[in-house]
N, C-alpha and C. Protein backbone atom coordinates (compact mmCIF):
# COMPACT_ATOMS: atom_id res chain seq x y z
N MET A 1 -20.76 -10.85 1.32
CA MET A 1 -20.18 -9.95 2.31
C MET A 1 -19.31 -8.93 1.60
N GLU A 2 -19.64 -7.66 1.71
CA GLU A 2 -18.90 -6.62 1.03
C GLU A 2 -17.75 -6.14 1.90
N MET A 3 -16.57 -5.99 1.32
CA MET A 3 -15.42 -5.49 2.05
C MET A 3 -14.80 -4.36 1.26
N LYS A 4 -14.74 -3.17 1.86
CA LYS A 4 -14.24 -2.01 1.15
C LYS A 4 -13.22 -1.29 2.00
N SER A 5 -12.24 -0.71 1.34
CA SER A 5 -11.23 0.05 2.06
C SER A 5 -11.86 1.33 2.59
N ASN A 6 -11.65 1.60 3.87
CA ASN A 6 -12.18 2.81 4.46
C ASN A 6 -11.18 3.95 4.42
N LEU A 7 -9.95 3.66 3.99
CA LEU A 7 -8.93 4.69 3.90
C LEU A 7 -8.17 4.48 2.61
N GLU A 8 -8.30 5.42 1.68
CA GLU A 8 -7.68 5.26 0.37
C GLU A 8 -6.81 6.47 0.13
N VAL A 9 -5.57 6.25 -0.25
CA VAL A 9 -4.56 7.30 -0.26
C VAL A 9 -5.01 8.52 -1.05
N ARG A 10 -5.57 8.30 -2.22
CA ARG A 10 -5.97 9.45 -3.02
C ARG A 10 -7.10 10.24 -2.37
N GLY A 11 -7.99 9.55 -1.68
CA GLY A 11 -9.07 10.24 -1.00
C GLY A 11 -8.58 11.03 0.19
N VAL A 12 -7.58 10.50 0.88
CA VAL A 12 -7.06 11.19 2.05
C VAL A 12 -6.30 12.44 1.65
N GLY A 13 -5.70 12.43 0.46
CA GLY A 13 -4.83 13.52 0.05
C GLY A 13 -5.49 14.88 0.14
N SER A 14 -6.69 15.02 -0.44
CA SER A 14 -7.36 16.31 -0.45
C SER A 14 -7.76 16.73 0.96
N LYS A 15 -8.17 15.78 1.77
CA LYS A 15 -8.55 16.09 3.14
C LYS A 15 -7.35 16.53 3.95
N PHE A 16 -6.19 15.90 3.69
CA PHE A 16 -4.96 16.25 4.40
C PHE A 16 -4.56 17.68 4.07
N ARG A 17 -4.67 18.06 2.79
CA ARG A 17 -4.25 19.40 2.38
C ARG A 17 -5.19 20.47 2.92
N SER A 18 -6.50 20.19 2.89
CA SER A 18 -7.46 21.22 3.21
C SER A 18 -7.73 21.36 4.70
N GLU A 19 -7.54 20.28 5.46
CA GLU A 19 -7.93 20.32 6.85
C GLU A 19 -6.75 20.14 7.80
N GLY A 20 -5.55 19.90 7.28
CA GLY A 20 -4.40 19.71 8.14
C GLY A 20 -4.54 18.51 9.05
N VAL A 21 -4.99 17.40 8.49
CA VAL A 21 -5.22 16.20 9.28
C VAL A 21 -3.89 15.65 9.79
N SER A 22 -3.85 15.28 11.05
CA SER A 22 -2.62 14.76 11.64
C SER A 22 -2.45 13.30 11.28
N TYR A 23 -1.21 12.78 11.52
CA TYR A 23 -0.97 11.37 11.20
C TYR A 23 -1.81 10.47 12.08
N ARG A 24 -2.13 10.93 13.29
CA ARG A 24 -2.98 10.10 14.16
C ARG A 24 -4.41 10.04 13.61
N ASP A 25 -4.90 11.17 13.03
CA ASP A 25 -6.23 11.16 12.43
C ASP A 25 -6.30 10.14 11.30
N ILE A 26 -5.22 10.04 10.53
CA ILE A 26 -5.21 9.11 9.41
C ILE A 26 -5.40 7.68 9.90
N LEU A 27 -4.88 7.39 11.08
CA LEU A 27 -4.97 6.03 11.61
C LEU A 27 -6.35 5.71 12.17
N THR A 28 -7.16 6.73 12.42
CA THR A 28 -8.46 6.53 13.06
C THR A 28 -9.54 6.48 12.00
N SER A 29 -10.08 5.31 11.77
CA SER A 29 -10.98 5.11 10.64
C SER A 29 -12.21 5.98 10.69
N ASN A 30 -12.74 6.29 11.89
CA ASN A 30 -13.98 7.04 11.94
C ASN A 30 -13.80 8.52 11.65
N LYS A 31 -12.58 8.95 11.37
CA LYS A 31 -12.35 10.33 10.96
C LYS A 31 -12.75 10.56 9.51
N PHE A 32 -12.91 9.47 8.77
CA PHE A 32 -13.18 9.58 7.34
C PHE A 32 -14.47 8.86 7.01
N ASN A 33 -15.16 9.35 6.00
CA ASN A 33 -16.40 8.71 5.56
C ASN A 33 -16.09 7.43 4.82
N CYS A 34 -16.91 6.40 5.05
CA CYS A 34 -16.74 5.14 4.34
C CYS A 34 -17.21 5.30 2.90
N LEU A 35 -16.66 4.50 2.00
CA LEU A 35 -17.11 4.50 0.64
C LEU A 35 -18.52 3.93 0.57
N GLY A 36 -19.35 4.53 -0.24
CA GLY A 36 -20.71 4.05 -0.39
C GLY A 36 -20.76 2.76 -1.17
N ALA A 37 -21.90 2.07 -1.06
CA ALA A 37 -22.02 0.76 -1.71
C ALA A 37 -21.88 0.85 -3.22
N GLY A 38 -22.24 2.01 -3.79
CA GLY A 38 -22.18 2.14 -5.24
C GLY A 38 -20.88 2.67 -5.79
N ASP A 39 -19.92 2.99 -4.89
CA ASP A 39 -18.64 3.54 -5.35
C ASP A 39 -17.85 2.48 -6.09
N GLN A 40 -17.27 2.85 -7.21
CA GLN A 40 -16.50 1.93 -8.02
C GLN A 40 -15.15 2.55 -8.36
N GLN A 41 -14.18 1.71 -8.56
CA GLN A 41 -12.89 2.19 -9.05
C GLN A 41 -13.07 2.61 -10.51
N PRO A 42 -12.51 3.77 -10.90
CA PRO A 42 -12.71 4.23 -12.28
C PRO A 42 -12.29 3.19 -13.30
N ALA A 43 -13.16 2.97 -14.29
CA ALA A 43 -12.87 1.99 -15.33
C ALA A 43 -11.84 2.56 -16.30
N GLY A 44 -11.00 1.68 -16.84
CA GLY A 44 -10.01 2.10 -17.83
C GLY A 44 -9.06 3.15 -17.31
N LYS A 45 -8.61 3.01 -16.09
CA LYS A 45 -7.74 3.99 -15.48
C LYS A 45 -6.46 4.18 -16.30
N ILE A 46 -6.12 5.42 -16.58
CA ILE A 46 -4.95 5.75 -17.39
C ILE A 46 -3.74 5.92 -16.48
N GLU A 47 -2.65 5.28 -16.83
CA GLU A 47 -1.41 5.44 -16.07
C GLU A 47 -0.69 6.67 -16.58
N ARG A 48 -0.53 7.65 -15.73
CA ARG A 48 0.16 8.88 -16.11
C ARG A 48 1.58 8.85 -15.56
N VAL A 49 2.51 9.32 -16.33
CA VAL A 49 3.92 9.26 -15.98
C VAL A 49 4.49 10.68 -15.94
N LEU A 50 5.19 11.00 -14.87
CA LEU A 50 5.86 12.29 -14.76
C LEU A 50 7.32 12.02 -14.44
N GLU A 51 8.21 12.52 -15.26
CA GLU A 51 9.64 12.37 -14.99
C GLU A 51 10.08 13.50 -14.06
N VAL A 52 10.52 13.13 -12.88
CA VAL A 52 10.92 14.10 -11.86
C VAL A 52 12.41 14.41 -12.02
N HIS A 53 12.76 15.68 -11.90
CA HIS A 53 14.14 16.11 -12.08
C HIS A 53 15.06 15.35 -11.12
N ALA A 54 16.20 14.94 -11.61
CA ALA A 54 17.12 14.10 -10.85
C ALA A 54 17.63 14.78 -9.59
N GLU A 55 17.64 16.11 -9.56
CA GLU A 55 18.16 16.83 -8.40
C GLU A 55 17.09 17.12 -7.36
N THR A 56 15.87 16.64 -7.58
CA THR A 56 14.79 16.88 -6.62
C THR A 56 15.09 16.23 -5.29
N SER A 57 14.95 17.00 -4.22
CA SER A 57 15.19 16.48 -2.88
C SER A 57 14.29 17.24 -1.91
N ALA A 58 13.05 16.78 -1.77
CA ALA A 58 12.09 17.46 -0.91
C ALA A 58 12.51 17.39 0.55
N PHE A 59 12.14 18.43 1.29
CA PHE A 59 12.45 18.52 2.73
C PHE A 59 13.95 18.35 2.99
N PHE A 60 14.74 18.98 2.13
CA PHE A 60 16.20 18.90 2.25
C PHE A 60 16.67 19.43 3.60
N ALA A 61 15.96 20.44 4.12
CA ALA A 61 16.36 21.05 5.40
C ALA A 61 16.26 20.07 6.56
N PHE A 62 15.48 19.01 6.38
CA PHE A 62 15.36 18.01 7.46
C PHE A 62 16.60 17.11 7.57
N GLN A 63 17.35 17.01 6.49
CA GLN A 63 18.46 16.08 6.48
C GLN A 63 19.51 16.47 7.52
N GLU A 64 20.06 15.46 8.15
CA GLU A 64 21.06 15.56 9.21
C GLU A 64 20.47 16.00 10.55
N LYS A 65 19.20 16.45 10.54
CA LYS A 65 18.54 16.80 11.80
C LYS A 65 17.34 15.89 12.06
N ALA A 66 17.18 14.85 11.25
CA ALA A 66 16.00 14.00 11.36
C ALA A 66 16.38 12.54 11.26
N VAL A 67 15.51 11.72 11.81
CA VAL A 67 15.63 10.27 11.66
C VAL A 67 14.34 9.77 11.00
N VAL A 68 14.45 8.66 10.29
CA VAL A 68 13.28 8.04 9.68
C VAL A 68 13.14 6.65 10.28
N GLY A 69 11.94 6.32 10.70
CA GLY A 69 11.75 5.05 11.37
C GLY A 69 10.45 4.38 10.98
N ARG A 70 10.44 3.06 11.13
CA ARG A 70 9.23 2.26 10.93
C ARG A 70 8.80 1.74 12.30
N THR A 71 7.64 2.17 12.74
CA THR A 71 7.19 1.78 14.07
C THR A 71 6.79 0.30 14.08
N THR A 72 6.75 -0.25 15.27
CA THR A 72 6.44 -1.67 15.40
C THR A 72 4.97 -1.96 15.20
N ASP A 73 4.11 -1.00 15.55
CA ASP A 73 2.66 -1.22 15.42
C ASP A 73 1.94 0.12 15.51
N ILE A 74 0.62 0.07 15.35
CA ILE A 74 -0.18 1.30 15.38
C ILE A 74 -0.18 1.92 16.78
N LYS A 75 -0.14 1.09 17.80
CA LYS A 75 -0.13 1.62 19.16
C LYS A 75 1.07 2.53 19.38
N SER A 76 2.24 2.08 18.96
CA SER A 76 3.45 2.91 19.09
C SER A 76 3.34 4.15 18.21
N LEU A 77 2.81 3.97 17.01
CA LEU A 77 2.69 5.08 16.06
C LEU A 77 1.81 6.19 16.62
N SER A 78 0.66 5.83 17.16
CA SER A 78 -0.27 6.84 17.64
C SER A 78 0.20 7.53 18.92
N ALA A 79 1.10 6.87 19.66
CA ALA A 79 1.59 7.45 20.92
C ALA A 79 2.97 8.07 20.79
N LEU A 80 3.48 8.18 19.57
CA LEU A 80 4.88 8.54 19.37
C LEU A 80 5.24 9.92 19.92
N ASN A 81 4.37 10.90 19.76
CA ASN A 81 4.67 12.24 20.29
C ASN A 81 4.92 12.20 21.78
N VAL A 82 4.07 11.48 22.50
CA VAL A 82 4.21 11.38 23.95
C VAL A 82 5.46 10.60 24.33
N LEU A 83 5.72 9.50 23.61
CA LEU A 83 6.87 8.66 23.91
C LEU A 83 8.18 9.41 23.73
N ILE A 84 8.30 10.13 22.63
CA ILE A 84 9.54 10.85 22.35
C ILE A 84 9.75 12.00 23.33
N SER A 85 8.67 12.68 23.67
CA SER A 85 8.76 13.76 24.65
C SER A 85 9.20 13.22 26.01
N SER A 86 8.64 12.07 26.40
CA SER A 86 9.00 11.48 27.70
C SER A 86 10.43 10.97 27.72
N ALA A 87 11.01 10.74 26.53
CA ALA A 87 12.40 10.28 26.44
C ALA A 87 13.38 11.44 26.53
N GLY A 88 12.86 12.67 26.66
CA GLY A 88 13.73 13.83 26.82
C GLY A 88 13.91 14.67 25.58
N PHE A 89 12.99 14.50 24.59
CA PHE A 89 13.09 15.29 23.35
C PHE A 89 11.74 15.96 23.07
N PRO A 90 11.30 16.87 23.95
CA PRO A 90 9.97 17.48 23.79
C PRO A 90 9.84 18.39 22.57
N SER A 91 10.96 18.86 22.00
CA SER A 91 10.89 19.77 20.85
C SER A 91 10.92 19.04 19.51
N ALA A 92 11.07 17.72 19.54
CA ALA A 92 11.09 16.95 18.29
C ALA A 92 9.70 16.97 17.65
N LYS A 93 9.66 17.00 16.32
CA LYS A 93 8.41 17.00 15.58
C LYS A 93 8.28 15.71 14.79
N VAL A 94 7.11 15.08 14.88
CA VAL A 94 6.86 13.82 14.20
C VAL A 94 6.03 14.09 12.95
N TYR A 95 6.50 13.59 11.80
CA TYR A 95 5.79 13.70 10.53
C TYR A 95 5.44 12.31 10.04
N TYR A 96 4.16 12.10 9.82
CA TYR A 96 3.70 10.80 9.31
C TYR A 96 3.94 10.75 7.81
N VAL A 97 4.56 9.68 7.30
CA VAL A 97 4.87 9.60 5.87
C VAL A 97 4.27 8.37 5.19
N GLY A 98 3.38 7.67 5.88
CA GLY A 98 2.69 6.55 5.26
C GLY A 98 2.98 5.22 5.91
N GLY A 99 1.96 4.36 5.94
CA GLY A 99 2.13 3.04 6.54
C GLY A 99 2.51 3.17 8.00
N LEU A 100 3.60 2.54 8.37
CA LEU A 100 4.12 2.65 9.73
C LEU A 100 5.34 3.55 9.82
N TYR A 101 5.62 4.32 8.75
CA TYR A 101 6.82 5.15 8.68
C TYR A 101 6.57 6.58 9.18
N VAL A 102 7.58 7.13 9.85
CA VAL A 102 7.55 8.52 10.31
C VAL A 102 8.92 9.15 10.13
N LEU A 103 8.91 10.48 10.00
CA LEU A 103 10.13 11.28 10.11
C LEU A 103 10.07 12.00 11.45
N ILE A 104 11.16 11.99 12.18
CA ILE A 104 11.24 12.73 13.43
C ILE A 104 12.33 13.78 13.28
N VAL A 105 11.92 15.05 13.34
CA VAL A 105 12.86 16.15 13.11
C VAL A 105 13.20 16.82 14.44
N PHE A 106 14.48 16.94 14.69
CA PHE A 106 14.97 17.53 15.93
C PHE A 106 15.48 18.94 15.66
N PRO A 107 15.46 19.82 16.67
CA PRO A 107 15.95 21.19 16.47
C PRO A 107 17.42 21.24 16.06
N GLU A 108 18.23 20.33 16.58
CA GLU A 108 19.66 20.32 16.31
C GLU A 108 20.11 18.93 15.85
N ASP A 109 21.15 18.89 15.02
CA ASP A 109 21.60 17.61 14.49
C ASP A 109 22.14 16.68 15.57
N TYR A 110 22.77 17.23 16.61
CA TYR A 110 23.32 16.36 17.66
C TYR A 110 22.22 15.63 18.42
N GLU A 111 21.01 16.24 18.48
CA GLU A 111 19.90 15.57 19.16
C GLU A 111 19.44 14.35 18.37
N ALA A 112 19.43 14.47 17.04
CA ALA A 112 19.06 13.32 16.20
C ALA A 112 20.05 12.18 16.40
N VAL A 113 21.34 12.51 16.45
CA VAL A 113 22.38 11.49 16.66
C VAL A 113 22.23 10.87 18.05
N GLU A 114 21.98 11.70 19.03
CA GLU A 114 21.82 11.20 20.40
C GLU A 114 20.64 10.24 20.49
N PHE A 115 19.54 10.60 19.85
CA PHE A 115 18.35 9.76 19.90
C PHE A 115 18.60 8.41 19.23
N ILE A 116 19.17 8.44 18.03
CA ILE A 116 19.35 7.19 17.29
C ILE A 116 20.37 6.28 17.96
N ASN A 117 21.32 6.85 18.69
CA ASN A 117 22.32 6.04 19.37
C ASN A 117 21.80 5.42 20.66
N ASN A 118 20.68 5.92 21.16
CA ASN A 118 20.12 5.41 22.41
C ASN A 118 19.07 4.34 22.12
N GLN A 119 19.54 3.22 21.61
CA GLN A 119 18.63 2.16 21.17
C GLN A 119 17.77 1.59 22.29
N ASN A 120 18.26 1.62 23.50
CA ASN A 120 17.49 1.10 24.63
C ASN A 120 16.20 1.89 24.84
N VAL A 121 16.18 3.15 24.40
CA VAL A 121 15.00 3.98 24.55
C VAL A 121 13.94 3.63 23.51
N TRP A 122 14.34 3.45 22.25
CA TRP A 122 13.35 3.33 21.17
C TRP A 122 13.16 1.92 20.62
N LYS A 123 13.89 0.94 21.13
CA LYS A 123 13.86 -0.41 20.53
C LYS A 123 12.47 -1.04 20.55
N ASP A 124 11.63 -0.67 21.50
CA ASP A 124 10.28 -1.22 21.55
C ASP A 124 9.30 -0.45 20.68
N TRP A 125 9.70 0.74 20.22
CA TRP A 125 8.81 1.58 19.41
C TRP A 125 9.03 1.40 17.92
N PHE A 126 10.29 1.07 17.53
CA PHE A 126 10.65 1.02 16.11
C PHE A 126 11.24 -0.35 15.76
N SER A 127 10.89 -0.82 14.57
CA SER A 127 11.54 -2.02 14.04
C SER A 127 12.79 -1.63 13.26
N SER A 128 12.85 -0.38 12.81
CA SER A 128 14.06 0.14 12.15
C SER A 128 14.10 1.65 12.35
N LEU A 129 15.32 2.19 12.43
CA LEU A 129 15.50 3.63 12.63
C LEU A 129 16.84 4.03 12.03
N ASP A 130 16.82 5.04 11.15
CA ASP A 130 18.03 5.49 10.46
C ASP A 130 18.04 7.01 10.38
N MET A 131 19.22 7.56 10.17
CA MET A 131 19.32 8.99 9.90
C MET A 131 18.63 9.30 8.57
N TRP A 132 17.97 10.44 8.49
CA TRP A 132 17.30 10.84 7.27
C TRP A 132 18.29 11.54 6.35
N GLU A 133 18.53 10.94 5.19
CA GLU A 133 19.46 11.49 4.21
C GLU A 133 18.80 11.66 2.86
N GLY A 134 17.49 11.73 2.85
CA GLY A 134 16.76 11.87 1.60
C GLY A 134 16.56 10.55 0.88
N GLN A 135 16.73 9.44 1.59
CA GLN A 135 16.64 8.13 0.95
C GLN A 135 15.20 7.78 0.59
N SER A 136 15.06 6.88 -0.38
CA SER A 136 13.76 6.42 -0.82
C SER A 136 13.21 5.39 0.17
N LEU A 137 11.91 5.50 0.47
CA LEU A 137 11.26 4.57 1.38
C LEU A 137 10.29 3.70 0.61
N PRO A 138 10.10 2.46 1.02
CA PRO A 138 9.11 1.61 0.35
C PRO A 138 7.71 2.17 0.56
N TYR A 139 6.85 1.98 -0.45
CA TYR A 139 5.48 2.47 -0.34
C TYR A 139 4.64 1.49 0.46
N GLU A 140 3.93 2.01 1.45
CA GLU A 140 2.95 1.21 2.17
C GLU A 140 1.91 2.16 2.76
N ARG A 141 0.73 1.62 3.02
CA ARG A 141 -0.32 2.41 3.63
C ARG A 141 -1.15 1.52 4.54
N ILE A 142 -1.86 2.15 5.44
CA ILE A 142 -2.79 1.43 6.31
C ILE A 142 -4.18 1.57 5.72
N ALA A 143 -4.78 0.45 5.36
CA ALA A 143 -6.13 0.45 4.81
C ALA A 143 -7.09 -0.09 5.86
N TRP A 144 -8.20 0.61 6.04
CA TRP A 144 -9.22 0.17 6.99
C TRP A 144 -10.30 -0.56 6.20
N ILE A 145 -10.34 -1.87 6.36
CA ILE A 145 -11.30 -2.68 5.62
C ILE A 145 -12.60 -2.77 6.42
N LYS A 146 -13.68 -2.40 5.75
CA LYS A 146 -15.00 -2.47 6.37
C LYS A 146 -15.65 -3.78 5.97
N PHE A 147 -16.00 -4.59 6.97
CA PHE A 147 -16.67 -5.86 6.73
C PHE A 147 -18.16 -5.69 6.99
N ASP A 148 -18.95 -6.15 6.03
CA ASP A 148 -20.41 -6.02 6.13
C ASP A 148 -21.03 -7.36 5.77
N GLY A 149 -21.99 -7.82 6.57
CA GLY A 149 -22.73 -9.02 6.21
C GLY A 149 -22.36 -10.26 6.99
N VAL A 150 -21.44 -10.17 7.96
CA VAL A 150 -21.13 -11.33 8.78
C VAL A 150 -22.24 -11.51 9.81
N LEU A 151 -22.87 -12.67 9.82
CA LEU A 151 -23.98 -12.92 10.74
C LEU A 151 -23.49 -12.84 12.18
N VAL A 152 -24.37 -12.39 13.06
CA VAL A 152 -23.95 -12.06 14.41
C VAL A 152 -23.38 -13.28 15.16
N HIS A 153 -23.89 -14.47 14.89
CA HIS A 153 -23.39 -15.63 15.62
C HIS A 153 -22.01 -16.07 15.13
N LEU A 154 -21.52 -15.48 14.04
CA LEU A 154 -20.17 -15.76 13.54
C LEU A 154 -19.23 -14.58 13.76
N ALA A 155 -19.74 -13.51 14.33
CA ALA A 155 -18.98 -12.26 14.43
C ALA A 155 -17.98 -12.31 15.59
N GLU A 156 -17.00 -13.17 15.48
CA GLU A 156 -15.90 -13.22 16.44
C GLU A 156 -14.71 -12.46 15.87
N ASN A 157 -13.91 -11.90 16.75
CA ASN A 157 -12.75 -11.14 16.30
C ASN A 157 -11.82 -11.98 15.43
N LYS A 158 -11.66 -13.26 15.77
CA LYS A 158 -10.77 -14.12 14.99
C LYS A 158 -11.25 -14.27 13.56
N VAL A 159 -12.56 -14.34 13.35
CA VAL A 159 -13.11 -14.46 12.00
C VAL A 159 -12.72 -13.25 11.16
N PHE A 160 -12.90 -12.06 11.72
CA PHE A 160 -12.57 -10.83 10.99
C PHE A 160 -11.07 -10.71 10.74
N ASN A 161 -10.27 -11.05 11.74
CA ASN A 161 -8.81 -10.96 11.57
C ASN A 161 -8.31 -11.95 10.52
N ASP A 162 -8.86 -13.17 10.53
CA ASP A 162 -8.46 -14.17 9.54
C ASP A 162 -8.83 -13.71 8.13
N LEU A 163 -9.99 -13.10 7.98
CA LEU A 163 -10.38 -12.57 6.67
C LEU A 163 -9.44 -11.45 6.23
N ALA A 164 -9.13 -10.56 7.15
CA ALA A 164 -8.29 -9.41 6.82
C ALA A 164 -6.88 -9.83 6.41
N GLU A 165 -6.38 -10.94 6.96
CA GLU A 165 -5.04 -11.40 6.63
C GLU A 165 -4.89 -11.72 5.14
N ALA A 166 -6.01 -11.97 4.46
CA ALA A 166 -5.94 -12.26 3.03
C ALA A 166 -5.55 -11.01 2.23
N TYR A 167 -5.63 -9.84 2.83
CA TYR A 167 -5.40 -8.59 2.10
C TYR A 167 -4.15 -7.84 2.56
N GLY A 168 -3.60 -8.21 3.70
CA GLY A 168 -2.40 -7.55 4.20
C GLY A 168 -2.16 -7.92 5.64
N LYS A 169 -1.05 -7.43 6.18
CA LYS A 169 -0.71 -7.70 7.57
C LYS A 169 -1.65 -6.91 8.48
N VAL A 170 -2.29 -7.60 9.41
CA VAL A 170 -3.20 -6.93 10.34
C VAL A 170 -2.37 -6.10 11.33
N VAL A 171 -2.61 -4.79 11.34
CA VAL A 171 -1.90 -3.91 12.27
C VAL A 171 -2.86 -3.29 13.29
N HIS A 172 -4.16 -3.43 13.05
CA HIS A 172 -5.15 -3.03 14.05
C HIS A 172 -6.24 -4.09 14.01
N ALA A 173 -6.22 -4.98 14.99
CA ALA A 173 -7.11 -6.13 14.99
C ALA A 173 -8.56 -5.73 15.26
N SER A 174 -9.45 -6.64 14.97
CA SER A 174 -10.87 -6.44 15.25
C SER A 174 -11.08 -6.15 16.73
N GLN A 175 -11.98 -5.20 17.02
CA GLN A 175 -12.20 -4.76 18.40
C GLN A 175 -13.64 -5.00 18.87
N LEU A 176 -14.34 -5.97 18.28
CA LEU A 176 -15.71 -6.23 18.70
C LEU A 176 -15.76 -6.70 20.14
N SER A 177 -16.73 -6.19 20.88
CA SER A 177 -16.92 -6.56 22.28
C SER A 177 -18.36 -6.23 22.65
N PRO A 178 -18.81 -6.67 23.83
CA PRO A 178 -20.17 -6.32 24.26
C PRO A 178 -20.42 -4.82 24.37
N ASP A 179 -19.33 -4.03 24.41
CA ASP A 179 -19.49 -2.57 24.49
C ASP A 179 -19.82 -1.95 23.15
N VAL A 180 -19.62 -2.70 22.07
CA VAL A 180 -19.92 -2.20 20.72
C VAL A 180 -21.39 -2.46 20.42
N ARG A 181 -22.15 -1.41 20.16
CA ARG A 181 -23.59 -1.58 19.97
C ARG A 181 -23.98 -1.91 18.53
N ASN A 182 -23.13 -1.56 17.57
CA ASN A 182 -23.43 -1.87 16.17
C ASN A 182 -22.60 -3.08 15.75
N LEU A 183 -23.24 -4.23 15.70
CA LEU A 183 -22.55 -5.47 15.35
C LEU A 183 -22.74 -5.85 13.88
N SER A 184 -23.36 -4.97 13.10
CA SER A 184 -23.63 -5.29 11.69
C SER A 184 -22.43 -5.05 10.80
N VAL A 185 -21.50 -4.17 11.23
CA VAL A 185 -20.29 -3.89 10.46
C VAL A 185 -19.09 -3.90 11.40
N ASN A 186 -17.92 -4.06 10.81
CA ASN A 186 -16.69 -4.08 11.61
C ASN A 186 -15.55 -3.61 10.73
N ARG A 187 -14.48 -3.12 11.35
CA ARG A 187 -13.32 -2.62 10.61
C ARG A 187 -12.04 -3.21 11.19
N VAL A 188 -11.12 -3.53 10.29
CA VAL A 188 -9.81 -4.03 10.67
C VAL A 188 -8.77 -3.27 9.85
N GLY A 189 -7.70 -2.85 10.48
CA GLY A 189 -6.63 -2.13 9.77
C GLY A 189 -5.56 -3.09 9.29
N VAL A 190 -5.23 -3.01 8.00
CA VAL A 190 -4.20 -3.86 7.42
C VAL A 190 -3.15 -3.01 6.72
N LEU A 191 -1.94 -3.52 6.68
CA LEU A 191 -0.84 -2.85 6.01
C LEU A 191 -0.72 -3.41 4.60
N VAL A 192 -0.83 -2.53 3.59
CA VAL A 192 -0.75 -2.97 2.20
C VAL A 192 0.33 -2.18 1.47
N GLU A 193 0.78 -2.73 0.35
CA GLU A 193 1.86 -2.10 -0.43
C GLU A 193 1.37 -1.62 -1.78
N HIS A 194 0.08 -1.27 -1.86
CA HIS A 194 -0.49 -0.75 -3.10
C HIS A 194 -1.54 0.30 -2.75
N GLY A 195 -1.94 1.08 -3.72
CA GLY A 195 -2.93 2.12 -3.50
C GLY A 195 -4.29 1.79 -4.06
N ASP A 196 -4.49 0.55 -4.48
CA ASP A 196 -5.76 0.16 -5.10
C ASP A 196 -6.86 0.03 -4.06
N LEU A 197 -8.08 0.29 -4.52
CA LEU A 197 -9.24 0.11 -3.67
C LEU A 197 -9.45 -1.36 -3.36
N ILE A 198 -9.71 -1.67 -2.11
CA ILE A 198 -10.00 -3.05 -1.72
C ILE A 198 -11.51 -3.22 -1.70
N LYS A 199 -12.00 -3.99 -2.66
CA LYS A 199 -13.44 -4.23 -2.75
C LYS A 199 -13.62 -5.67 -3.19
N ASP A 200 -14.20 -6.50 -2.34
CA ASP A 200 -14.20 -7.92 -2.61
C ASP A 200 -15.40 -8.57 -1.93
N THR A 201 -15.67 -9.80 -2.30
CA THR A 201 -16.71 -10.61 -1.68
C THR A 201 -16.10 -11.93 -1.24
N ALA A 202 -16.41 -12.37 -0.03
CA ALA A 202 -15.89 -13.62 0.49
C ALA A 202 -17.04 -14.49 0.98
N ILE A 203 -16.81 -15.78 1.03
CA ILE A 203 -17.82 -16.74 1.48
C ILE A 203 -17.35 -17.36 2.79
N LEU A 204 -18.21 -17.33 3.79
CA LEU A 204 -17.93 -18.01 5.05
C LEU A 204 -18.66 -19.35 5.06
N ILE A 205 -17.96 -20.40 5.46
CA ILE A 205 -18.56 -21.72 5.57
C ILE A 205 -18.62 -22.10 7.04
N TRP A 206 -19.81 -22.44 7.51
CA TRP A 206 -20.01 -22.79 8.92
C TRP A 206 -20.97 -23.98 9.00
N LYS A 207 -20.47 -25.08 9.53
CA LYS A 207 -21.26 -26.30 9.68
C LYS A 207 -21.88 -26.73 8.33
N GLY A 208 -21.07 -26.62 7.30
CA GLY A 208 -21.52 -27.04 5.99
C GLY A 208 -22.39 -26.05 5.26
N ARG A 209 -22.69 -24.94 5.87
CA ARG A 209 -23.52 -23.91 5.24
C ARG A 209 -22.65 -22.76 4.77
N LYS A 210 -23.03 -22.15 3.66
CA LYS A 210 -22.29 -21.01 3.12
C LYS A 210 -23.08 -19.73 3.36
């Protein structure tokens, strides 16, 4: 059974720059082409090091007018524009920064303070929320793992979710149902803390058979 990441940070980068892909597009696996069966991670990959100037502070203008938050799940992440607008902040702009993290920039600094102080509004959307001061965030990304080769009589959502848990926290569970016409492949979204390609083979054991 072949399992490959359907969303790889380096691959998304060029598409993001050239097409202006939104953070919601990044979360939707069918927006991107799957890796072909013959695709391989480059052999002998060279680690390149760049020393960044100590005074570097990208998006400095966002500071004091923005909050940085980690959403609770993909559902909250994909609906964030609507949720924040409905909370009374229609002019706020949401910037996706990887994994479950976003920057929310408000027109005025007092609006950012007002939003972060109103925990009753956002407590179900975010697991953490802080003022943006240029702080470093942990690296994480959402990888869409494509499962291929699971026999149809074993193709239950729990089987796919249990397999995906071996690679990261499941943030978008398997969605197989009678409405899905292609049962030969399936995708599950997992949260990982590395940028490496996920390519692996697993063995399913059922009634003593492999």
